[in-house]
């Protein structure tokens, strides 16, 4: 059996390729700059039996281009006739807890979206990729939507305190009110800008996931926020 990885240059896609190769699977990578209507037909010519899709949970009251696109793909998979596994992953530590989005704990400055009090099941993209690779051969994962989060749900402010306790020193925080993010999303005319504002607005409400279902399907030790913090501070 050959495994086709679509979006193989992304964070989770590249890691999934590595995991599959390590397991001895025959891997092919499909790299596209945009999605098109032929993708589904091309996959059915290739004889794909099981499609694993990395997605995320949404908030019914917060709609933006990326979440709409994810839901459309999920619905198409459910109706496709192929076996599917949809992994709805929480926020990636390697993106949201780094300077790329204003979380620069090592330099004592952190941006928080909303009041920072709502817990989020921060997860490593490497663990999402590992779960995606494992789902390929896991019969119990077929035709299921599985919510995947890290081992502990923590609020952004709790994460800040953990960085301080681990040796980062005192951290100054700035907040972006949810109302400002809502206004930014409403005013955006570019789909990418609207999506970024929507993701940040959704973050303000938290994203706590019960790990029970995913841990039964994928019984490996997931990276904790504490592990992530130690690795980040070791690089300073």
Protein backbone atom coordinates (compact mmCIF):
# COMPACT_ATOMS: atom_id res chain seq x y z
CA UNK A 1 0.00 0.00 0.00
CA UNK A 2 1.23 3.48 -0.89
CA UNK A 3 0.42 6.52 1.22
CA UNK A 4 -0.22 9.84 -0.49
CA UNK A 5 0.48 12.95 1.59
CA UNK A 6 -1.19 16.13 0.37
CA UNK A 7 0.27 19.41 1.59
CA UNK A 8 3.57 17.71 2.28
CA UNK A 9 5.52 20.94 2.69
CA UNK A 10 3.45 22.17 5.66
CA UNK A 11 4.43 21.70 9.30
CA UNK A 12 2.24 18.66 9.94
CA UNK A 13 2.53 17.33 6.37
CA UNK A 14 6.31 17.14 6.39
CA UNK A 15 6.33 15.53 9.83
CA UNK A 16 3.69 13.01 8.70
CA UNK A 17 5.94 12.05 5.76
CA UNK A 18 8.81 11.47 8.16
CA UNK A 19 6.69 9.33 10.49
CA UNK A 20 5.32 7.22 7.65
CA UNK A 21 8.76 6.66 6.13
CA UNK A 22 10.11 5.63 9.55
CA UNK A 23 7.33 3.05 9.81
CA UNK A 24 8.36 1.55 6.47
CA UNK A 25 5.42 2.87 4.45
CA UNK A 26 5.75 3.71 0.77
CA UNK A 27 5.09 7.45 0.62
CA UNK A 28 4.24 9.79 -2.22
CA UNK A 29 3.88 13.54 -1.71
CA UNK A 30 1.50 15.80 -3.60
CA UNK A 31 2.45 19.48 -3.49
CA UNK A 32 0.03 22.06 -4.83
CA UNK A 33 -0.10 25.83 -4.47
CA UNK A 34 -3.91 25.88 -4.56
CA UNK A 35 -6.72 23.37 -4.27
CA UNK A 36 -8.95 22.71 -7.28
CA UNK A 37 -12.06 20.78 -8.22
CA UNK A 38 -10.07 17.96 -9.82
CA UNK A 39 -8.37 16.89 -6.60
CA UNK A 40 -11.11 14.53 -5.50
CA UNK A 41 -11.38 12.95 -8.96
CA UNK A 42 -7.61 12.54 -9.18
CA UNK A 43 -7.55 10.76 -5.82
CA UNK A 44 -10.31 8.33 -6.96
CA UNK A 45 -8.22 7.49 -10.05
CA UNK A 46 -5.35 6.75 -7.72
CA UNK A 47 -7.55 4.26 -5.81
CA UNK A 48 -7.41 6.03 -2.45
CA UNK A 49 -9.25 4.01 0.18
CA UNK A 50 -8.61 6.00 3.34
CA UNK A 51 -8.24 9.79 3.54
CA UNK A 52 -6.82 11.37 6.73
CA UNK A 53 -7.59 15.09 6.95
CA UNK A 54 -6.07 17.49 9.49
CA UNK A 55 -8.65 20.08 10.48
CA UNK A 56 -9.67 22.02 13.59
CA UNK A 57 -12.79 22.71 15.62
CA UNK A 58 -14.77 25.83 14.90
CA UNK A 59 -17.11 28.19 16.71
CA UNK A 60 -20.56 28.34 15.10
CA UNK A 61 -20.76 32.11 15.67
CA UNK A 62 -17.35 32.90 14.19
CA UNK A 63 -17.15 32.31 10.44
CA UNK A 64 -14.16 33.09 8.22
CA UNK A 65 -12.73 31.64 4.98
CA UNK A 66 -10.47 28.97 6.48
CA UNK A 67 -13.05 27.48 8.81
CA UNK A 68 -15.62 27.43 6.00
CA UNK A 69 -13.13 25.68 3.71
CA UNK A 70 -12.30 23.07 6.37
CA UNK A 71 -15.97 22.29 6.95
CA UNK A 72 -16.60 21.96 3.20
CA UNK A 73 -13.74 19.45 2.87
CA UNK A 74 -14.99 17.50 5.88
CA UNK A 75 -18.49 17.23 4.41
CA UNK A 76 -17.08 16.22 1.01
CA UNK A 77 -15.05 13.44 2.63
CA UNK A 78 -18.07 12.12 4.51
CA UNK A 79 -19.99 11.88 1.24
CA UNK A 80 -17.10 10.62 -0.92
CA UNK A 81 -17.42 6.89 -0.33
CA UNK A 82 -13.81 6.70 0.85
CA UNK A 83 -12.97 5.77 4.41
CA UNK A 84 -11.91 8.92 6.23
CA UNK A 85 -10.40 10.12 9.47
CA UNK A 86 -10.82 13.80 10.34
CA UNK A 87 -8.44 15.07 13.01
CA UNK A 88 -9.68 18.29 14.55
CA UNK A 89 -6.55 19.60 16.22
CA UNK A 90 -6.20 22.36 18.80
CA UNK A 91 -3.73 25.27 18.54
CA UNK A 92 -0.13 24.39 17.61
CA UNK A 93 2.38 25.35 20.32
CA UNK A 94 5.07 25.94 17.72
CA UNK A 95 2.95 28.67 16.13
CA UNK A 96 0.86 30.31 18.86
CA UNK A 97 3.42 30.21 21.69
CA UNK A 98 6.24 31.76 19.65
CA UNK A 99 7.32 35.25 18.53
CA UNK A 100 5.60 34.67 15.17
CA UNK A 101 2.32 35.62 16.87
CA UNK A 102 3.71 37.94 19.51
CA UNK A 103 4.40 35.34 22.22
CA UNK A 104 8.07 36.19 22.84
CA UNK A 105 8.52 34.85 26.36
CA UNK A 106 12.31 34.53 26.03
CA UNK A 107 12.53 38.31 25.55
CA UNK A 108 9.94 39.12 28.18
CA UNK A 109 7.09 40.27 25.90
CA UNK A 110 3.88 38.37 25.23
CA UNK A 111 0.78 39.32 23.27
CA UNK A 112 -2.45 37.72 24.46
CA UNK A 113 -5.67 37.68 22.46
CA UNK A 114 -8.69 38.37 24.64
CA UNK A 115 -8.30 38.30 28.41
CA UNK A 116 -6.18 35.14 28.32
CA UNK A 117 -8.24 33.28 30.90
CA UNK A 118 -9.76 30.53 28.73
CA UNK A 119 -7.97 27.12 28.62
CA UNK A 120 -6.57 25.80 25.35
CA UNK A 121 -5.38 22.24 24.68
CA UNK A 122 -2.10 23.35 23.10
CA UNK A 123 -0.64 20.60 20.92
CA UNK A 124 2.62 20.04 19.06
CA UNK A 125 2.31 19.80 15.29
CA UNK A 126 4.62 16.78 15.55
CA UNK A 127 2.03 14.95 17.64
CA UNK A 128 -0.72 15.83 15.15
CA UNK A 129 1.47 14.43 12.36
CA UNK A 130 2.17 11.31 14.41
CA UNK A 131 -1.56 10.79 14.96
CA UNK A 132 -2.24 11.29 11.24
CA UNK A 133 0.38 8.71 10.33
CA UNK A 134 -0.98 6.26 12.93
CA UNK A 135 -4.55 6.73 11.69
CA UNK A 136 -3.59 5.28 8.30
CA UNK A 137 -3.29 1.80 9.80
CA UNK A 138 -5.80 2.13 12.64
CA UNK A 139 -9.12 0.51 11.72
CA UNK A 140 -10.90 2.08 14.70
CA UNK A 141 -10.05 5.54 13.37
CA UNK A 142 -11.93 5.02 10.10
CA UNK A 143 -15.01 7.12 9.41
CA UNK A 144 -14.52 9.16 12.54
CA UNK A 145 -14.00 12.77 13.53
CA UNK A 146 -11.41 12.80 16.31
CA UNK A 147 -10.63 15.88 18.40
CA UNK A 148 -6.92 15.99 19.16
CA UNK A 149 -5.42 18.17 21.88
CA UNK A 150 -2.40 18.14 24.14
CA UNK A 151 -2.28 16.43 27.55
CA UNK A 152 -3.35 19.52 29.52
CA UNK A 153 -5.61 22.49 28.79
CA UNK A 154 -4.01 25.72 30.01
CA UNK A 155 -4.98 29.36 29.64
CA UNK A 156 -2.50 31.72 27.93
CA UNK A 157 -1.89 33.46 31.25
CA UNK A 158 -1.10 30.13 32.90
CA UNK A 159 1.43 29.46 30.14
CA UNK A 160 3.04 32.85 30.79
CA UNK A 161 3.40 32.01 34.50
CA UNK A 162 4.92 28.64 33.58
CA UNK A 163 7.52 30.36 31.40
CA UNK A 164 8.37 32.71 34.28
CA UNK A 165 8.65 29.84 36.76
CA UNK A 166 10.89 27.93 34.35
CA UNK A 167 13.44 30.76 34.27
CA UNK A 168 12.27 33.16 31.58
CA UNK A 169 12.10 36.00 34.09
CA UNK A 170 9.33 38.55 34.41
CA UNK A 171 7.16 38.78 31.31
CA UNK A 172 5.20 41.87 30.27
CA UNK A 173 1.87 41.11 28.62
CA UNK A 174 -0.25 43.14 26.22
CA UNK A 175 -3.81 42.18 25.34
CA UNK A 176 -5.80 42.52 22.15
CA UNK A 177 -9.50 42.81 23.06
CA UNK A 178 -11.93 40.41 21.43
CA UNK A 179 -13.95 43.44 20.28
CA UNK A 180 -10.94 44.72 18.31
CA UNK A 181 -10.46 41.34 16.65
CA UNK A 182 -14.16 41.17 15.78
CA UNK A 183 -13.96 44.63 14.21
CA UNK A 184 -10.80 43.65 12.31
CA UNK A 185 -12.45 40.51 10.96
CA UNK A 186 -15.61 42.38 9.96
CA UNK A 187 -13.63 45.08 8.16
CA UNK A 188 -11.23 42.74 6.35
CA UNK A 189 -11.67 42.44 2.60
CA UNK A 190 -8.77 40.05 2.05
CA UNK A 191 -9.58 36.37 2.86
CA UNK A 192 -6.19 35.84 4.54
CA UNK A 193 -6.57 38.88 6.77
CA UNK A 194 -10.13 37.85 7.67
CA UNK A 195 -8.91 34.33 8.50
CA UNK A 196 -6.09 35.52 10.77
CA UNK A 197 -8.46 37.80 12.66
CA UNK A 198 -11.00 34.98 12.91
CA UNK A 199 -8.46 32.52 14.29
CA UNK A 200 -7.35 35.03 16.92
CA UNK A 201 -10.95 35.83 17.83
CA UNK A 202 -11.70 32.12 18.21
CA UNK A 203 -8.60 31.77 20.43
CA UNK A 204 -10.10 34.29 22.88
CA UNK A 205 -12.82 31.77 23.77
CA UNK A 206 -10.38 28.93 24.48
CA UNK A 207 -10.27 25.42 23.04
CA UNK A 208 -10.27 22.75 25.73
CA UNK A 209 -10.44 19.19 24.36
CA UNK A 210 -11.08 16.00 26.32
CA UNK A 211 -8.12 13.73 25.41
CA UNK A 212 -9.94 10.48 26.23
CA UNK A 213 -11.01 9.50 22.70
CA UNK A 214 -7.76 10.41 20.97
CA UNK A 215 -5.59 8.75 23.63
CA UNK A 216 -7.41 5.45 23.06
CA UNK A 217 -6.75 5.62 19.32
CA UNK A 218 -3.24 7.05 19.56
CA UNK A 219 -1.72 5.82 22.85
CA UNK A 220 1.58 7.66 22.71
CA UNK A 221 2.93 10.32 25.05
CA UNK A 222 2.14 13.75 23.67
CA UNK A 223 4.33 16.79 24.14
CA UNK A 224 3.25 18.88 27.12
CA UNK A 225 3.45 22.64 27.40
CA UNK A 226 6.09 22.11 30.08
CA UNK A 227 8.18 20.08 27.60
CA UNK A 228 7.77 22.84 25.02
CA UNK A 229 8.81 25.56 27.47
CA UNK A 230 11.94 23.67 28.51
CA UNK A 231 12.95 23.21 24.87
CA UNK A 232 12.33 26.90 24.07
CA UNK A 233 14.35 28.20 27.02
CA UNK A 234 17.19 25.74 26.32
CA UNK A 235 17.74 27.53 22.99
CA UNK A 236 18.19 30.96 24.59
